N, C-alpha and C. Protein backbone atom coordinates (compact mmCIF):
# COMPACT_ATOMS: atom_id res chain seq x y z
N MET A 1 56.03 92.88 60.24
CA MET A 1 57.22 93.52 59.73
C MET A 1 58.28 93.74 60.74
N ILE A 2 57.90 94.15 61.98
CA ILE A 2 58.80 94.27 63.08
C ILE A 2 59.50 92.99 63.35
N SER A 3 58.69 91.94 63.43
CA SER A 3 59.24 90.63 63.81
C SER A 3 60.29 90.16 62.68
N GLU A 4 60.04 90.56 61.44
CA GLU A 4 60.92 90.14 60.27
C GLU A 4 62.15 90.85 60.48
N ASN A 5 62.12 92.26 60.78
CA ASN A 5 63.40 93.03 61.06
C ASN A 5 64.12 92.49 62.16
N LEU A 6 63.42 92.09 63.31
CA LEU A 6 64.12 91.49 64.48
C LEU A 6 64.89 90.17 64.00
N ALA A 7 64.15 89.45 63.20
CA ALA A 7 64.76 88.10 62.86
C ALA A 7 66.04 88.40 62.03
N LYS A 8 66.00 89.41 61.11
CA LYS A 8 67.10 89.71 60.18
C LYS A 8 68.25 90.17 60.98
N ASN A 9 67.88 91.14 61.99
CA ASN A 9 68.95 91.68 62.81
C ASN A 9 69.59 90.63 63.74
N SER A 10 68.81 89.73 64.26
CA SER A 10 69.41 88.73 65.19
C SER A 10 70.23 87.76 64.41
N ASN A 11 69.80 87.45 63.12
CA ASN A 11 70.63 86.59 62.31
C ASN A 11 71.90 87.27 61.98
N ALA A 12 71.91 88.58 61.69
CA ALA A 12 73.22 89.30 61.37
C ALA A 12 74.00 89.38 62.65
N TRP A 13 73.41 89.53 63.78
CA TRP A 13 74.19 89.60 64.98
C TRP A 13 74.89 88.31 65.36
N ALA A 14 74.19 87.22 65.05
CA ALA A 14 74.68 85.82 65.31
C ALA A 14 75.90 85.56 64.33
N LYS A 15 75.75 85.98 63.13
CA LYS A 15 76.93 85.77 62.22
C LYS A 15 78.07 86.59 62.68
N HIS A 16 77.81 87.83 63.10
CA HIS A 16 78.85 88.81 63.54
C HIS A 16 79.48 88.17 64.80
N SER A 17 78.80 87.67 65.65
CA SER A 17 79.32 87.11 66.94
C SER A 17 80.26 85.88 66.66
N VAL A 18 79.83 85.07 65.76
CA VAL A 18 80.58 83.84 65.29
C VAL A 18 81.93 84.28 64.72
N ALA A 19 81.89 85.36 63.94
CA ALA A 19 83.11 85.87 63.31
C ALA A 19 84.00 86.51 64.36
N MET A 20 83.44 87.21 65.27
CA MET A 20 84.22 87.74 66.37
C MET A 20 84.86 86.64 67.30
N ARG A 21 84.17 85.59 67.49
CA ARG A 21 84.79 84.59 68.34
C ARG A 21 85.97 83.87 67.63
N TRP A 22 85.82 83.70 66.30
CA TRP A 22 86.92 83.16 65.51
C TRP A 22 88.09 84.06 65.54
N ALA A 23 87.91 85.31 65.46
CA ALA A 23 88.95 86.34 65.39
C ALA A 23 89.63 86.35 66.73
N LEU A 24 88.86 86.29 67.81
CA LEU A 24 89.56 86.31 69.13
C LEU A 24 90.21 84.99 69.34
N PHE A 25 89.69 83.85 68.86
CA PHE A 25 90.40 82.60 69.02
C PHE A 25 91.67 82.61 68.23
N LEU A 26 91.76 83.23 67.00
CA LEU A 26 92.93 83.32 66.17
C LEU A 26 94.02 84.16 66.77
N LEU A 27 93.54 85.41 67.33
CA LEU A 27 94.32 86.21 68.06
C LEU A 27 95.08 85.62 69.30
N THR A 28 94.30 84.87 70.02
CA THR A 28 94.81 84.21 71.23
C THR A 28 95.87 83.14 70.75
N LEU A 29 95.60 82.41 69.82
CA LEU A 29 96.49 81.40 69.31
C LEU A 29 97.77 82.01 68.75
N LEU A 30 97.70 83.09 68.10
CA LEU A 30 98.91 83.89 67.63
C LEU A 30 99.73 84.37 68.84
N ALA A 31 99.12 84.88 69.80
CA ALA A 31 99.82 85.41 70.87
C ALA A 31 100.46 84.24 71.73
N LEU A 32 99.83 83.12 71.84
CA LEU A 32 100.48 81.95 72.50
C LEU A 32 101.60 81.45 71.71
N SER A 33 101.54 81.36 70.49
CA SER A 33 102.63 80.80 69.58
C SER A 33 103.81 81.77 69.65
N ALA A 34 103.61 83.07 69.72
CA ALA A 34 104.66 84.02 69.79
C ALA A 34 105.48 83.91 71.13
N THR A 35 104.84 83.71 72.19
CA THR A 35 105.50 83.50 73.40
C THR A 35 106.34 82.20 73.59
N THR A 36 105.85 81.08 72.87
CA THR A 36 106.63 79.90 72.90
C THR A 36 107.83 79.89 72.00
N CYS A 37 107.71 80.76 70.97
CA CYS A 37 108.90 81.02 70.09
C CYS A 37 110.02 81.74 70.95
N PHE A 38 109.67 82.66 71.76
CA PHE A 38 110.64 83.36 72.51
C PHE A 38 111.24 82.45 73.54
N ALA A 39 110.56 81.43 74.07
CA ALA A 39 111.06 80.53 75.04
C ALA A 39 112.05 79.58 74.59
N GLN A 40 112.18 79.34 73.28
CA GLN A 40 113.11 78.41 72.82
C GLN A 40 114.56 78.86 73.02
N GLN A 41 115.44 77.96 73.55
CA GLN A 41 116.81 78.27 73.90
C GLN A 41 117.75 77.99 72.77
N VAL A 42 118.59 78.85 72.40
CA VAL A 42 119.66 78.57 71.44
C VAL A 42 120.94 78.75 72.10
N SER A 43 121.26 77.96 73.16
CA SER A 43 122.49 78.01 73.78
C SER A 43 122.93 76.69 74.36
N ALA A 44 124.04 76.64 74.99
CA ALA A 44 124.56 75.37 75.60
C ALA A 44 125.05 75.75 77.05
N THR A 45 125.15 74.64 77.80
CA THR A 45 125.55 74.84 79.20
C THR A 45 126.82 73.98 79.42
N LEU A 46 127.89 74.64 79.96
CA LEU A 46 129.11 73.94 80.42
C LEU A 46 129.22 74.04 81.94
N PHE A 47 129.42 72.92 82.58
CA PHE A 47 129.58 72.83 84.00
C PHE A 47 130.61 71.73 84.45
N GLY A 48 130.96 71.76 85.59
CA GLY A 48 131.92 70.81 86.08
C GLY A 48 132.48 71.18 87.49
N THR A 49 133.54 70.45 87.92
CA THR A 49 134.25 70.69 89.15
C THR A 49 135.69 70.79 88.88
N VAL A 50 136.38 71.56 89.65
CA VAL A 50 137.87 71.78 89.56
C VAL A 50 138.43 71.21 90.77
N THR A 51 139.31 70.25 90.65
CA THR A 51 140.06 69.66 91.77
C THR A 51 141.57 69.63 91.68
N ASP A 52 142.19 69.34 92.77
CA ASP A 52 143.70 69.17 92.70
C ASP A 52 143.98 67.69 92.48
N PRO A 53 145.29 67.37 92.31
CA PRO A 53 145.67 65.91 92.09
C PRO A 53 145.17 64.94 93.04
N ALA A 54 145.03 65.40 94.30
CA ALA A 54 144.55 64.47 95.46
C ALA A 54 142.96 64.33 95.36
N GLY A 55 142.29 65.08 94.53
CA GLY A 55 140.83 65.03 94.34
C GLY A 55 140.18 66.11 95.28
N ALA A 56 140.82 66.88 96.04
CA ALA A 56 140.23 67.95 96.77
C ALA A 56 139.78 69.10 95.93
N VAL A 57 138.65 69.61 96.22
CA VAL A 57 138.00 70.60 95.36
C VAL A 57 138.86 71.97 95.51
N ILE A 58 138.81 72.77 94.46
CA ILE A 58 139.61 74.09 94.45
C ILE A 58 138.46 75.19 94.30
N PRO A 59 138.27 75.88 95.44
CA PRO A 59 137.29 77.08 95.27
C PRO A 59 138.04 78.30 94.72
N ASP A 60 137.29 79.31 94.21
CA ASP A 60 137.82 80.56 93.81
C ASP A 60 138.83 80.41 92.64
N ALA A 61 138.79 79.39 91.91
CA ALA A 61 139.51 79.35 90.56
C ALA A 61 138.87 80.13 89.50
N LYS A 62 139.65 80.81 88.75
CA LYS A 62 139.06 81.68 87.62
C LYS A 62 138.99 80.72 86.39
N ILE A 63 137.81 80.66 85.87
CA ILE A 63 137.59 79.88 84.67
C ILE A 63 137.13 80.77 83.52
N THR A 64 137.75 80.60 82.30
CA THR A 64 137.40 81.52 81.22
C THR A 64 136.96 80.61 79.98
N ALA A 65 135.91 80.91 79.47
CA ALA A 65 135.45 80.30 78.16
C ALA A 65 135.51 81.38 77.00
N ARG A 66 136.48 81.04 76.12
CA ARG A 66 136.58 82.07 75.04
C ARG A 66 136.25 81.39 73.75
N ASN A 67 135.42 82.18 72.96
CA ASN A 67 135.12 81.67 71.58
C ASN A 67 136.04 82.37 70.64
N PRO A 68 136.99 81.61 70.12
CA PRO A 68 137.94 82.19 69.14
C PRO A 68 137.39 82.72 67.90
N ALA A 69 136.27 82.24 67.50
CA ALA A 69 135.64 82.72 66.21
C ALA A 69 135.16 84.12 66.27
N ASN A 70 134.73 84.55 67.52
CA ASN A 70 134.29 86.03 67.55
C ASN A 70 134.89 86.82 68.80
N GLY A 71 135.79 86.08 69.42
CA GLY A 71 136.51 86.74 70.50
C GLY A 71 135.82 86.98 71.78
N ARG A 72 134.56 86.50 71.89
CA ARG A 72 133.73 86.68 73.16
C ARG A 72 134.32 85.82 74.27
N THR A 73 134.42 86.45 75.40
CA THR A 73 134.97 85.80 76.62
C THR A 73 133.89 85.81 77.76
N THR A 74 133.76 84.68 78.43
CA THR A 74 132.83 84.59 79.59
C THR A 74 133.70 84.05 80.67
N THR A 75 133.60 84.53 81.88
CA THR A 75 134.34 84.14 83.07
C THR A 75 133.45 83.59 84.14
N ALA A 76 133.87 82.75 84.86
CA ALA A 76 133.23 82.25 86.09
C ALA A 76 134.23 81.89 87.15
N THR A 77 133.84 81.88 88.38
CA THR A 77 134.67 81.48 89.57
C THR A 77 134.07 80.23 90.17
N THR A 78 134.91 79.29 90.55
CA THR A 78 134.49 78.12 91.18
C THR A 78 133.97 78.40 92.55
N GLN A 79 132.87 77.68 93.03
CA GLN A 79 132.22 77.87 94.28
C GLN A 79 133.01 77.11 95.37
N ALA A 80 132.53 77.17 96.54
CA ALA A 80 133.19 76.47 97.76
C ALA A 80 133.37 75.03 97.46
N ASP A 81 132.39 74.51 96.67
CA ASP A 81 132.46 72.89 96.38
C ASP A 81 133.28 72.69 95.16
N GLY A 82 133.95 73.70 94.58
CA GLY A 82 134.82 73.52 93.32
C GLY A 82 133.98 73.54 92.10
N GLY A 83 132.66 73.64 92.23
CA GLY A 83 131.81 73.58 90.91
C GLY A 83 131.70 75.02 90.29
N TYR A 84 131.50 74.98 88.92
CA TYR A 84 131.28 76.06 88.16
C TYR A 84 130.19 75.73 87.14
N VAL A 85 129.63 76.80 86.54
CA VAL A 85 128.70 76.67 85.48
C VAL A 85 128.66 77.85 84.50
N PHE A 86 128.62 77.58 83.25
CA PHE A 86 128.40 78.62 82.27
C PHE A 86 127.02 78.17 81.66
N PRO A 87 125.94 78.85 82.11
CA PRO A 87 124.57 78.43 81.67
C PRO A 87 124.12 78.87 80.23
N TYR A 88 124.70 79.96 79.60
CA TYR A 88 124.19 80.37 78.39
C TYR A 88 125.33 80.74 77.39
N LEU A 89 126.06 79.64 77.01
CA LEU A 89 127.05 79.80 76.07
C LEU A 89 126.52 79.65 74.62
N GLU A 90 126.88 80.42 73.65
CA GLU A 90 126.42 80.19 72.29
C GLU A 90 127.09 78.93 71.73
N PRO A 91 126.34 78.14 70.85
CA PRO A 91 127.03 77.04 70.31
C PRO A 91 128.20 77.38 69.47
N ALA A 92 129.35 76.80 69.80
CA ALA A 92 130.68 77.16 69.12
C ALA A 92 131.82 76.26 69.67
N ASP A 93 133.01 76.47 69.13
CA ASP A 93 134.10 75.83 69.68
C ASP A 93 134.74 76.79 70.67
N TYR A 94 135.14 76.35 71.83
CA TYR A 94 135.72 77.10 72.97
C TYR A 94 137.12 76.74 73.27
N THR A 95 137.71 77.69 73.86
CA THR A 95 139.08 77.41 74.54
C THR A 95 138.73 77.80 76.09
N ILE A 96 139.01 76.79 76.92
CA ILE A 96 138.71 76.83 78.37
C ILE A 96 140.06 76.93 79.03
N THR A 97 140.11 77.88 79.93
CA THR A 97 141.36 78.15 80.76
C THR A 97 140.93 78.26 82.13
N VAL A 98 141.77 77.67 83.05
CA VAL A 98 141.48 77.70 84.55
C VAL A 98 142.81 78.27 85.09
N GLU A 99 142.69 79.18 86.06
CA GLU A 99 143.87 79.74 86.67
C GLU A 99 143.51 79.89 88.22
N LYS A 100 144.51 79.47 89.02
CA LYS A 100 144.54 79.62 90.44
C LYS A 100 145.86 79.62 90.94
N THR A 101 146.12 80.62 91.89
CA THR A 101 147.40 80.75 92.48
C THR A 101 147.83 79.45 93.13
N GLY A 102 149.14 79.04 92.77
CA GLY A 102 149.65 77.84 93.38
C GLY A 102 149.55 76.69 92.47
N PHE A 103 148.80 76.80 91.41
CA PHE A 103 148.61 75.77 90.38
C PHE A 103 149.04 76.07 89.02
N ASP A 104 149.40 75.18 88.20
CA ASP A 104 149.69 75.46 86.78
C ASP A 104 148.43 75.85 86.02
N LYS A 105 148.57 76.73 85.08
CA LYS A 105 147.43 77.15 84.29
C LYS A 105 146.96 75.97 83.30
N TYR A 106 145.61 75.76 83.27
CA TYR A 106 145.04 74.64 82.55
C TYR A 106 144.40 75.39 81.25
N GLU A 107 144.62 74.76 80.16
CA GLU A 107 144.01 75.24 79.02
C GLU A 107 143.51 73.93 78.03
N GLN A 108 142.34 74.06 77.57
CA GLN A 108 141.85 73.09 76.64
C GLN A 108 141.21 73.83 75.48
N THR A 109 141.67 73.46 74.20
CA THR A 109 141.17 74.08 73.12
C THR A 109 140.19 73.20 72.37
N ARG A 110 139.45 73.77 71.48
CA ARG A 110 138.49 73.14 70.66
C ARG A 110 137.45 72.24 71.49
N LEU A 111 136.88 72.79 72.48
CA LEU A 111 135.78 72.19 73.15
C LEU A 111 134.48 72.63 72.42
N THR A 112 133.81 71.69 71.75
CA THR A 112 132.68 71.99 70.91
C THR A 112 131.35 71.94 71.64
N LEU A 113 130.57 72.96 71.62
CA LEU A 113 129.27 72.90 72.22
C LEU A 113 128.23 73.12 71.24
N VAL A 114 127.10 72.40 71.24
CA VAL A 114 125.95 72.53 70.30
C VAL A 114 124.75 72.90 71.00
N VAL A 115 123.74 73.26 70.28
CA VAL A 115 122.45 73.75 70.79
C VAL A 115 121.85 72.84 71.77
N ASN A 116 121.39 73.44 72.93
CA ASN A 116 120.80 72.67 73.99
C ASN A 116 121.55 71.62 74.72
N GLN A 117 122.92 71.65 74.41
CA GLN A 117 123.75 70.62 74.99
C GLN A 117 124.21 70.99 76.47
N LYS A 118 124.17 70.02 77.33
CA LYS A 118 124.62 70.28 78.65
C LYS A 118 125.85 69.39 78.81
N SER A 119 127.05 70.03 78.87
CA SER A 119 128.33 69.19 78.85
C SER A 119 129.00 69.44 80.15
N ARG A 120 129.51 68.33 80.67
CA ARG A 120 130.29 68.39 81.94
C ARG A 120 131.74 68.26 81.55
N LEU A 121 132.53 69.20 82.19
CA LEU A 121 133.95 69.19 82.03
C LEU A 121 134.67 69.33 83.43
N ASP A 122 135.12 68.22 83.97
CA ASP A 122 135.76 68.16 85.25
C ASP A 122 137.23 68.42 84.99
N ILE A 123 137.82 69.26 85.72
CA ILE A 123 139.20 69.61 85.41
C ILE A 123 140.12 69.40 86.74
N GLN A 124 141.28 68.78 86.48
CA GLN A 124 142.22 68.62 87.61
C GLN A 124 143.42 69.40 87.31
N LEU A 125 143.69 70.36 88.25
CA LEU A 125 144.78 71.30 88.15
C LEU A 125 146.07 70.56 88.80
N LYS A 126 147.19 70.87 88.19
CA LYS A 126 148.51 70.28 88.57
C LYS A 126 149.16 71.37 89.61
N VAL A 127 149.69 70.91 90.64
CA VAL A 127 150.37 71.83 91.55
C VAL A 127 151.54 72.56 90.84
N GLY A 128 151.52 73.84 90.99
CA GLY A 128 152.46 74.64 90.18
C GLY A 128 153.83 74.73 90.91
N THR A 129 154.86 75.10 90.04
CA THR A 129 156.12 75.23 90.61
C THR A 129 156.30 76.69 91.14
N VAL A 130 157.05 76.75 92.19
CA VAL A 130 157.27 78.10 92.76
C VAL A 130 158.35 78.83 91.99
N ALA A 131 158.06 80.03 91.46
CA ALA A 131 159.08 80.82 90.78
C ALA A 131 159.60 81.86 91.70
N THR A 132 160.99 81.97 91.83
CA THR A 132 161.54 82.87 92.62
C THR A 132 162.13 83.92 91.78
N THR A 133 161.99 85.17 92.07
CA THR A 133 162.62 86.25 91.34
C THR A 133 163.66 86.93 92.22
N VAL A 134 164.89 86.92 91.71
CA VAL A 134 165.98 87.57 92.46
C VAL A 134 166.27 88.84 91.74
N GLU A 135 166.30 89.89 92.51
CA GLU A 135 166.69 91.21 91.96
C GLU A 135 168.05 91.58 92.61
N ALA A 136 168.98 91.85 91.71
CA ALA A 136 170.33 92.21 92.11
C ALA A 136 170.45 93.69 92.09
N CYS A 137 171.20 94.23 93.08
CA CYS A 137 171.43 95.64 93.02
C CYS A 137 172.81 95.81 93.59
N ARG A 138 173.60 96.71 92.91
CA ARG A 138 174.86 96.98 93.39
C ARG A 138 175.06 98.54 93.57
N SER A 139 175.42 98.87 94.77
CA SER A 139 175.51 100.33 94.89
C SER A 139 176.99 100.75 95.02
N THR A 140 177.36 101.72 94.42
CA THR A 140 178.67 102.16 94.45
C THR A 140 178.92 103.21 95.54
N PRO A 141 179.88 103.04 96.33
CA PRO A 141 180.16 104.00 97.42
C PRO A 141 180.28 105.43 96.84
N GLY A 142 179.40 106.35 97.48
CA GLY A 142 179.32 107.70 97.09
C GLY A 142 178.30 108.02 95.99
N ALA A 143 177.62 106.94 95.49
CA ALA A 143 176.46 107.18 94.58
C ALA A 143 175.27 107.62 95.23
N SER A 144 174.51 108.40 94.59
CA SER A 144 173.30 108.95 95.19
C SER A 144 172.17 107.98 95.15
N ALA A 145 172.18 107.00 94.25
CA ALA A 145 171.05 106.03 94.21
C ALA A 145 171.39 104.80 95.07
N ALA A 146 170.43 104.43 95.92
CA ALA A 146 170.52 103.36 96.78
C ALA A 146 169.71 102.20 96.30
N CYS A 147 169.98 100.97 96.71
CA CYS A 147 169.25 99.77 96.36
C CYS A 147 167.90 99.91 97.07
N PRO A 148 166.78 99.41 96.47
CA PRO A 148 165.52 99.49 97.00
C PRO A 148 165.44 98.31 98.07
N SER A 149 164.78 98.57 99.15
CA SER A 149 164.72 97.59 100.16
C SER A 149 163.44 96.85 100.12
């Protein structure tokens, strides 16, 4: 009788153990699949180099990527080698502008980026024209206001 009870209990324990192993396996599988879902990227990367007409790189240029659909703006600055990168842009159409003192402002509209795309956009800036502002001032003898110096 004792041996029969032990046999029944060990059988029940074996069935319970198998069920627990399956539950643990499924739980592990679920946990792993959840982490891979979070790892998927839903963005695009834009990168390139900014140069002058002679091909020399332009460091410290301000680059702006603007999504006109939602108004979001992301900015970057070119590195010493003229390179820039926008690593996590949402897929959309963008307006790209580049500004640097001494050069004309560059603008490109409707640059389309899609999911997981890595797009290169090399930009050549044109040398800007120097704008001179002349401020005229006339002072009347005896007036209390003087021209700023």
